[in-house]
């Protein structure tokens, strides 16, 4: 899958799952569960011990059925290592021009983090494919996305932080192209108990929420 097709698929789906798990086996089960609910794009955080090995294992196993990216990427060296391990998109909590550059070099989707209008526009000017607005819940939630897009309608914004089933539709309605969702989707208690059916239902709920937000 080339970069443009991957990006379009991510935007069409509208949901990126943010996952922090300690084993590839758990990640495989979670990926199967949420993919069954329609969420096929998973950000696996680099703060997880052994993240690169796990990323390589699951990327090989799923092929293009589930698309894995690396999250919490703080520098270009980590971005390159993640890309070589199989990451198809790179997500960062902050804005580092060198991370965006390395993503462009390897033709993978970049999603740097930004918060203020100045940071958001700088990320876009540097070549970000999508700008992660983080932490979105700390600055007004959905209304902040609308406020940013009023003077900057050309931007592709993905709110992260505090996105849940109650507000996902509103985020999309206010102009977000997709959302990043962590524990509101992949709940640690559900994972620990092996309640994969519940994870599937949560994934379906977020997909339906995105669809509802896109209805005119």
C-alpha atoms as a PDB file:
ATOM      1  CA  UNK A   1       0.000   0.000   0.000  1.00  0.00           C
ATOM      2  CA  UNK A   2       1.528   3.293  -1.045  1.00  0.00           C
ATOM      3  CA  UNK A   3       1.508   6.403   1.117  1.00  0.00           C
ATOM      4  CA  UNK A   4      -1.403   8.157  -0.563  1.00  0.00           C
ATOM      5  CA  UNK A   5      -3.607   5.065  -0.420  1.00  0.00           C
ATOM      6  CA  UNK A   6      -2.719   4.520   3.224  1.00  0.00           C
ATOM      7  CA  UNK A   7      -3.468   8.123   4.134  1.00  0.00           C
ATOM      8  CA  UNK A   8      -6.785   8.041   2.306  1.00  0.00           C
ATOM      9  CA  UNK A   9      -7.727   4.802   4.051  1.00  0.00           C
ATOM     10  CA  UNK A  10      -6.918   6.322   7.421  1.00  0.00           C
ATOM     11  CA  UNK A  11      -9.016   9.405   6.697  1.00  0.00           C
ATOM     12  CA  UNK A  12     -11.908   7.343   5.315  1.00  0.00           C
ATOM     13  CA  UNK A  13     -11.932   5.195   8.461  1.00  0.00           C
ATOM     14  CA  UNK A  14     -11.624   8.230  10.704  1.00  0.00           C
ATOM     15  CA  UNK A  15     -10.248   6.395  13.748  1.00  0.00           C
ATOM     16  CA  UNK A  16      -6.691   5.556  14.782  1.00  0.00           C
ATOM     17  CA  UNK A  17      -6.394   3.331  17.843  1.00  0.00           C
ATOM     18  CA  UNK A  18      -3.612   4.244  20.271  1.00  0.00           C
ATOM     19  CA  UNK A  19      -2.326   1.058  21.879  1.00  0.00           C
ATOM     20  CA  UNK A  20       0.130   0.426  24.711  1.00  0.00           C
ATOM     21  CA  UNK A  21       0.606  -3.288  25.366  1.00  0.00           C
ATOM     22  CA  UNK A  22       3.480  -5.300  26.752  1.00  0.00           C
ATOM     23  CA  UNK A  23       3.402  -8.274  24.384  1.00  0.00           C
ATOM     24  CA  UNK A  24       2.952  -9.000  20.694  1.00  0.00           C
ATOM     25  CA  UNK A  25       0.411 -11.707  21.553  1.00  0.00           C
ATOM     26  CA  UNK A  26      -1.840  -9.194  23.301  1.00  0.00           C
ATOM     27  CA  UNK A  27      -1.438  -6.732  20.446  1.00  0.00           C
ATOM     28  CA  UNK A  28      -2.401  -9.405  17.929  1.00  0.00           C
ATOM     29  CA  UNK A  29      -5.600 -10.220  19.818  1.00  0.00           C
ATOM     30  CA  UNK A  30      -6.470  -6.554  20.207  1.00  0.00           C
ATOM     31  CA  UNK A  31      -5.786  -5.878  16.531  1.00  0.00           C
ATOM     32  CA  UNK A  32      -8.029  -8.752  15.484  1.00  0.00           C
ATOM     33  CA  UNK A  33     -10.807  -7.550  17.786  1.00  0.00           C
ATOM     34  CA  UNK A  34     -10.884  -3.901  16.794  1.00  0.00           C
ATOM     35  CA  UNK A  35     -10.321  -4.667  13.100  1.00  0.00           C
ATOM     36  CA  UNK A  36     -13.484  -6.769  13.276  1.00  0.00           C
ATOM     37  CA  UNK A  37     -15.207  -3.592  14.423  1.00  0.00           C
ATOM     38  CA  UNK A  38     -13.793  -1.538  11.549  1.00  0.00           C
ATOM     39  CA  UNK A  39     -10.713   0.074  13.141  1.00  0.00           C
ATOM     40  CA  UNK A  40      -7.755  -1.051  11.025  1.00  0.00           C
ATOM     41  CA  UNK A  41      -5.212   1.666  11.845  1.00  0.00           C
ATOM     42  CA  UNK A  42      -3.229   1.168  15.055  1.00  0.00           C
ATOM     43  CA  UNK A  43      -0.643   3.454  16.600  1.00  0.00           C
ATOM     44  CA  UNK A  44       1.670   1.339  18.756  1.00  0.00           C
ATOM     45  CA  UNK A  45       3.546   3.522  21.195  1.00  0.00           C
ATOM     46  CA  UNK A  46       7.334   3.479  21.303  1.00  0.00           C
ATOM     47  CA  UNK A  47       7.259   3.831  25.093  1.00  0.00           C
ATOM     48  CA  UNK A  48       6.361   0.128  25.234  1.00  0.00           C
ATOM     49  CA  UNK A  49       9.328  -2.132  26.127  1.00  0.00           C
ATOM     50  CA  UNK A  50      10.491  -4.041  23.050  1.00  0.00           C
ATOM     51  CA  UNK A  51       8.299  -1.891  20.818  1.00  0.00           C
ATOM     52  CA  UNK A  52      10.393  -2.301  17.659  1.00  0.00           C
ATOM     53  CA  UNK A  53      10.424  -6.100  17.848  1.00  0.00           C
ATOM     54  CA  UNK A  54       6.694  -6.196  18.502  1.00  0.00           C
ATOM     55  CA  UNK A  55       6.024  -3.792  15.656  1.00  0.00           C
ATOM     56  CA  UNK A  56       8.022  -5.970  13.275  1.00  0.00           C
ATOM     57  CA  UNK A  57       6.177  -9.117  14.358  1.00  0.00           C
ATOM     58  CA  UNK A  58       2.664  -7.743  13.983  1.00  0.00           C
ATOM     59  CA  UNK A  59       3.385  -5.875  10.735  1.00  0.00           C
ATOM     60  CA  UNK A  60       4.581  -9.125   9.180  1.00  0.00           C
ATOM     61  CA  UNK A  61       1.631 -11.106  10.515  1.00  0.00           C
ATOM     62  CA  UNK A  62      -1.161  -8.800   9.348  1.00  0.00           C
ATOM     63  CA  UNK A  63       0.254  -7.431   6.099  1.00  0.00           C
ATOM     64  CA  UNK A  64      -2.173  -4.803   4.785  1.00  0.00           C
ATOM     65  CA  UNK A  65      -5.204  -6.128   6.693  1.00  0.00           C
ATOM     66  CA  UNK A  66      -4.249  -3.998   9.701  1.00  0.00           C
ATOM     67  CA  UNK A  67      -1.957  -0.981   9.323  1.00  0.00           C
ATOM     68  CA  UNK A  68       0.477  -0.336  12.159  1.00  0.00           C
ATOM     69  CA  UNK A  69       2.215   2.918  12.922  1.00  0.00           C
ATOM     70  CA  UNK A  70       4.556   4.042  15.673  1.00  0.00           C
ATOM     71  CA  UNK A  71       3.533   6.562  18.303  1.00  0.00           C
ATOM     72  CA  UNK A  72       5.336   8.742  20.843  1.00  0.00           C
ATOM     73  CA  UNK A  73       8.187   9.148  18.355  1.00  0.00           C
ATOM     74  CA  UNK A  74      10.438  11.900  19.686  1.00  0.00           C
ATOM     75  CA  UNK A  75      13.304  12.079  17.191  1.00  0.00           C
ATOM     76  CA  UNK A  76      14.355  11.188  13.664  1.00  0.00           C
ATOM     77  CA  UNK A  77      16.459   8.214  14.777  1.00  0.00           C
ATOM     78  CA  UNK A  78      13.471   6.608  16.468  1.00  0.00           C
ATOM     79  CA  UNK A  79      11.288   7.370  13.457  1.00  0.00           C
ATOM     80  CA  UNK A  80      13.722   5.667  11.081  1.00  0.00           C
ATOM     81  CA  UNK A  81      14.031   2.621  13.343  1.00  0.00           C
ATOM     82  CA  UNK A  82      10.252   2.312  13.541  1.00  0.00           C
ATOM     83  CA  UNK A  83       9.860   2.654   9.777  1.00  0.00           C
ATOM     84  CA  UNK A  84      12.455  -0.065   9.189  1.00  0.00           C
ATOM     85  CA  UNK A  85      10.565  -2.254  11.673  1.00  0.00           C
ATOM     86  CA  UNK A  86       7.410  -1.910   9.612  1.00  0.00           C
ATOM     87  CA  UNK A  87       5.641   1.264  10.769  1.00  0.00           C
ATOM     88  CA  UNK A  88       3.539   2.745   7.978  1.00  0.00           C
ATOM     89  CA  UNK A  89       2.847   6.012   9.777  1.00  0.00           C
ATOM     90  CA  UNK A  90       4.631   7.994  12.464  1.00  0.00           C
ATOM     91  CA  UNK A  91       2.872   9.885  15.247  1.00  0.00           C
ATOM     92  CA  UNK A  92       4.570  12.300  17.635  1.00  0.00           C
ATOM     93  CA  UNK A  93       3.333  14.258  20.653  1.00  0.00           C
ATOM     94  CA  UNK A  94       5.528  17.198  19.631  1.00  0.00           C
ATOM     95  CA  UNK A  95       6.748  18.982  16.535  1.00  0.00           C
ATOM     96  CA  UNK A  96      10.215  17.980  15.298  1.00  0.00           C
ATOM     97  CA  UNK A  97      11.036  19.026  11.721  1.00  0.00           C
ATOM     98  CA  UNK A  98      13.540  16.169  11.353  1.00  0.00           C
ATOM     99  CA  UNK A  99      10.858  13.567  12.094  1.00  0.00           C
ATOM    100  CA  UNK A 100       8.665  14.985   9.335  1.00  0.00           C
ATOM    101  CA  UNK A 101      11.674  15.007   7.000  1.00  0.00           C
ATOM    102  CA  UNK A 102      12.521  11.356   7.638  1.00  0.00           C
ATOM    103  CA  UNK A 103       8.900  10.375   7.042  1.00  0.00           C
ATOM    104  CA  UNK A 104       8.968  12.183   3.713  1.00  0.00           C
ATOM    105  CA  UNK A 105      12.240  10.490   2.787  1.00  0.00           C
ATOM    106  CA  UNK A 106      10.771   7.027   3.410  1.00  0.00           C
ATOM    107  CA  UNK A 107       7.331   7.935   2.046  1.00  0.00           C
ATOM    108  CA  UNK A 108       5.360   7.195   5.201  1.00  0.00           C
ATOM    109  CA  UNK A 109       2.548   9.254   6.702  1.00  0.00           C
ATOM    110  CA  UNK A 110       3.627  11.819   9.304  1.00  0.00           C
ATOM    111  CA  UNK A 111       1.389  13.031  12.119  1.00  0.00           C
ATOM    112  CA  UNK A 112       3.325  15.425  14.373  1.00  0.00           C
ATOM    113  CA  UNK A 113       1.798  16.920  17.487  1.00  0.00           C
ATOM    114  CA  UNK A 114       0.944  20.596  17.847  1.00  0.00           C
ATOM    115  CA  UNK A 115      -1.413  22.703  19.905  1.00  0.00           C
ATOM    116  CA  UNK A 116      -1.318  26.434  19.198  1.00  0.00           C
ATOM    117  CA  UNK A 117      -2.263  27.958  15.834  1.00  0.00           C
ATOM    118  CA  UNK A 118       1.405  28.834  15.256  1.00  0.00           C
ATOM    119  CA  UNK A 119       2.554  25.261  15.932  1.00  0.00           C
ATOM    120  CA  UNK A 120      -0.230  23.725  13.866  1.00  0.00           C
ATOM    121  CA  UNK A 121       0.521  25.897  10.831  1.00  0.00           C
ATOM    122  CA  UNK A 122       4.271  25.307  11.174  1.00  0.00           C
ATOM    123  CA  UNK A 123       3.725  21.541  11.180  1.00  0.00           C
ATOM    124  CA  UNK A 124       1.626  21.834   8.031  1.00  0.00           C
ATOM    125  CA  UNK A 125       4.174  24.073   6.305  1.00  0.00           C
ATOM    126  CA  UNK A 126       6.920  21.542   7.129  1.00  0.00           C
ATOM    127  CA  UNK A 127       4.995  18.854   5.264  1.00  0.00           C
ATOM    128  CA  UNK A 128       2.917  17.040   7.869  1.00  0.00           C
ATOM    129  CA  UNK A 129       0.258  14.840   6.293  1.00  0.00           C
ATOM    130  CA  UNK A 130      -2.047  15.243   9.286  1.00  0.00           C
ATOM    131  CA  UNK A 131      -1.487  17.447  12.330  1.00  0.00           C
ATOM    132  CA  UNK A 132      -2.207  15.819  15.685  1.00  0.00           C
ATOM    133  CA  UNK A 133      -3.865  18.383  17.947  1.00  0.00           C
ATOM    134  CA  UNK A 134      -2.724  17.331  21.411  1.00  0.00           C
ATOM    135  CA  UNK A 135      -3.996  17.445  24.080  1.00  0.00           C
ATOM    136  CA  UNK A 136      -7.277  18.418  22.450  1.00  0.00           C
ATOM    137  CA  UNK A 137      -9.398  18.082  25.582  1.00  0.00           C
ATOM    138  CA  UNK A 138      -7.281  20.639  27.436  1.00  0.00           C
ATOM    139  CA  UNK A 139      -8.088  23.511  25.094  1.00  0.00           C
ATOM    140  CA  UNK A 140     -11.807  23.316  24.475  1.00  0.00           C
ATOM    141  CA  UNK A 141     -12.330  19.994  22.750  1.00  0.00           C
ATOM    142  CA  UNK A 142     -14.356  19.992  19.506  1.00  0.00           C
ATOM    143  CA  UNK A 143     -14.893  23.753  19.561  1.00  0.00           C
ATOM    144  CA  UNK A 144     -11.124  24.271  19.424  1.00  0.00           C
ATOM    145  CA  UNK A 145     -10.885  22.262  16.192  1.00  0.00           C
ATOM    146  CA  UNK A 146     -13.565  24.484  14.675  1.00  0.00           C
ATOM    147  CA  UNK A 147     -11.743  27.594  15.879  1.00  0.00           C
ATOM    148  CA  UNK A 148      -8.442  26.471  14.325  1.00  0.00           C
ATOM    149  CA  UNK A 149     -10.030  25.635  10.989  1.00  0.00           C
ATOM    150  CA  UNK A 150     -11.871  28.946  10.680  1.00  0.00           C
ATOM    151  CA  UNK A 151      -8.697  30.812   9.563  1.00  0.00           C
ATOM    152  CA  UNK A 152      -6.834  27.652   8.435  1.00  0.00           C
ATOM    153  CA  UNK A 153      -9.385  25.554   6.507  1.00  0.00           C
ATOM    154  CA  UNK A 154      -6.715  23.823   4.415  1.00  0.00           C
ATOM    155  CA  UNK A 155      -5.344  21.881   7.388  1.00  0.00           C
ATOM    156  CA  UNK A 156      -5.998  18.221   8.186  1.00  0.00           C
ATOM    157  CA  UNK A 157      -6.404  17.977  11.950  1.00  0.00           C
ATOM    158  CA  UNK A 158      -6.643  14.894  14.169  1.00  0.00           C
ATOM    159  CA  UNK A 159      -7.589  15.574  17.799  1.00  0.00           C
ATOM    160  CA  UNK A 160      -6.005  13.289  20.384  1.00  0.00           C
ATOM    161  CA  UNK A 161      -6.526  13.282  24.133  1.00  0.00           C
ATOM    162  CA  UNK A 162      -9.944  12.852  25.662  1.00  0.00           C
ATOM    163  CA  UNK A 163     -11.707  11.540  22.540  1.00  0.00           C
ATOM    164  CA  UNK A 164     -14.489   9.127  23.503  1.00  0.00           C
ATOM    165  CA  UNK A 165     -17.793   7.726  22.292  1.00  0.00           C
ATOM    166  CA  UNK A 166     -19.672  10.748  23.608  1.00  0.00           C
ATOM    167  CA  UNK A 167     -17.705  13.367  21.664  1.00  0.00           C
ATOM    168  CA  UNK A 168     -16.257  11.628  18.603  1.00  0.00           C
ATOM    169  CA  UNK A 169     -19.161  12.694  16.364  1.00  0.00           C
ATOM    170  CA  UNK A 170     -18.783  16.302  17.457  1.00  0.00           C
ATOM    171  CA  UNK A 171     -15.053  16.307  16.746  1.00  0.00           C
ATOM    172  CA  UNK A 172     -15.758  15.094  13.215  1.00  0.00           C
ATOM    173  CA  UNK A 173     -18.626  17.544  12.809  1.00  0.00           C
ATOM    174  CA  UNK A 174     -16.301  20.398  13.803  1.00  0.00           C
ATOM    175  CA  UNK A 175     -13.884  19.465  11.002  1.00  0.00           C
ATOM    176  CA  UNK A 176     -11.473  16.809  12.276  1.00  0.00           C
ATOM    177  CA  UNK A 177     -10.399  14.462   9.477  1.00  0.00           C
ATOM    178  CA  UNK A 178      -9.857  11.627  11.955  1.00  0.00           C
ATOM    179  CA  UNK A 179      -9.356  11.065  15.674  1.00  0.00           C
ATOM    180  CA  UNK A 180      -6.830   9.238  17.812  1.00  0.00           C
ATOM    181  CA  UNK A 181      -8.376   7.138  20.578  1.00  0.00           C
ATOM    182  CA  UNK A 182      -6.599   5.435  23.466  1.00  0.00           C
ATOM    183  CA  UNK A 183      -8.157   3.859  26.540  1.00  0.00           C
ATOM    184  CA  UNK A 184     -11.685   4.815  25.523  1.00  0.00           C
ATOM    185  CA  UNK A 185     -11.283   2.146  22.847  1.00  0.00           C
ATOM    186  CA  UNK A 186      -8.570  -0.267  24.008  1.00  0.00           C
ATOM    187  CA  UNK A 187      -9.416  -0.539  27.691  1.00  0.00           C
ATOM    188  CA  UNK A 188      -6.794  -2.327  29.783  1.00  0.00           C
ATOM    189  CA  UNK A 189      -9.391  -4.136  31.894  1.00  0.00           C
ATOM    190  CA  UNK A 190     -11.058  -5.568  28.809  1.00  0.00           C
ATOM    191  CA  UNK A 191      -7.680  -6.667  27.453  1.00  0.00           C
ATOM    192  CA  UNK A 192      -6.704  -8.266  30.761  1.00  0.00           C
ATOM    193  CA  UNK A 193      -9.985 -10.186  30.911  1.00  0.00           C
ATOM    194  CA  UNK A 194      -9.796 -11.191  27.255  1.00  0.00           C
ATOM    195  CA  UNK A 195     -13.150  -9.607  26.442  1.00  0.00           C
ATOM    196  CA  UNK A 196     -12.426  -9.260  22.751  1.00  0.00           C
ATOM    197  CA  UNK A 197     -16.106  -9.009  21.825  1.00  0.00           C
ATOM    198  CA  UNK A 198     -16.410  -5.857  23.940  1.00  0.00           C
ATOM    199  CA  UNK A 199     -13.442  -4.325  22.126  1.00  0.00           C
ATOM    200  CA  UNK A 200     -15.081  -5.118  18.802  1.00  0.00           C
ATOM    201  CA  UNK A 201     -18.274  -3.390  19.929  1.00  0.00           C
ATOM    202  CA  UNK A 202     -16.333  -0.328  21.077  1.00  0.00           C
ATOM    203  CA  UNK A 203     -14.606  -0.147  17.702  1.00  0.00           C
ATOM    204  CA  UNK A 204     -17.959  -0.349  15.947  1.00  0.00           C
ATOM    205  CA  UNK A 205     -19.222   2.457  18.160  1.00  0.00           C
ATOM    206  CA  UNK A 206     -16.381   4.767  17.164  1.00  0.00           C
ATOM    207  CA  UNK A 207     -16.822   3.967  13.479  1.00  0.00           C
ATOM    208  CA  UNK A 208     -20.525   4.742  13.759  1.00  0.00           C
ATOM    209  CA  UNK A 209     -19.699   7.940  15.614  1.00  0.00           C
ATOM    210  CA  UNK A 210     -17.464   9.090  12.771  1.00  0.00           C
ATOM    211  CA  UNK A 211     -20.182   8.308  10.237  1.00  0.00           C
ATOM    212  CA  UNK A 212     -22.717  10.262  12.269  1.00  0.00           C
ATOM    213  CA  UNK A 213     -20.390  13.242  12.442  1.00  0.00           C
ATOM    214  CA  UNK A 214     -19.996  13.264   8.669  1.00  0.00           C
ATOM    215  CA  UNK A 215     -23.714  13.334   7.952  1.00  0.00           C
ATOM    216  CA  UNK A 216     -24.832  16.716   6.744  1.00  0.00           C
END
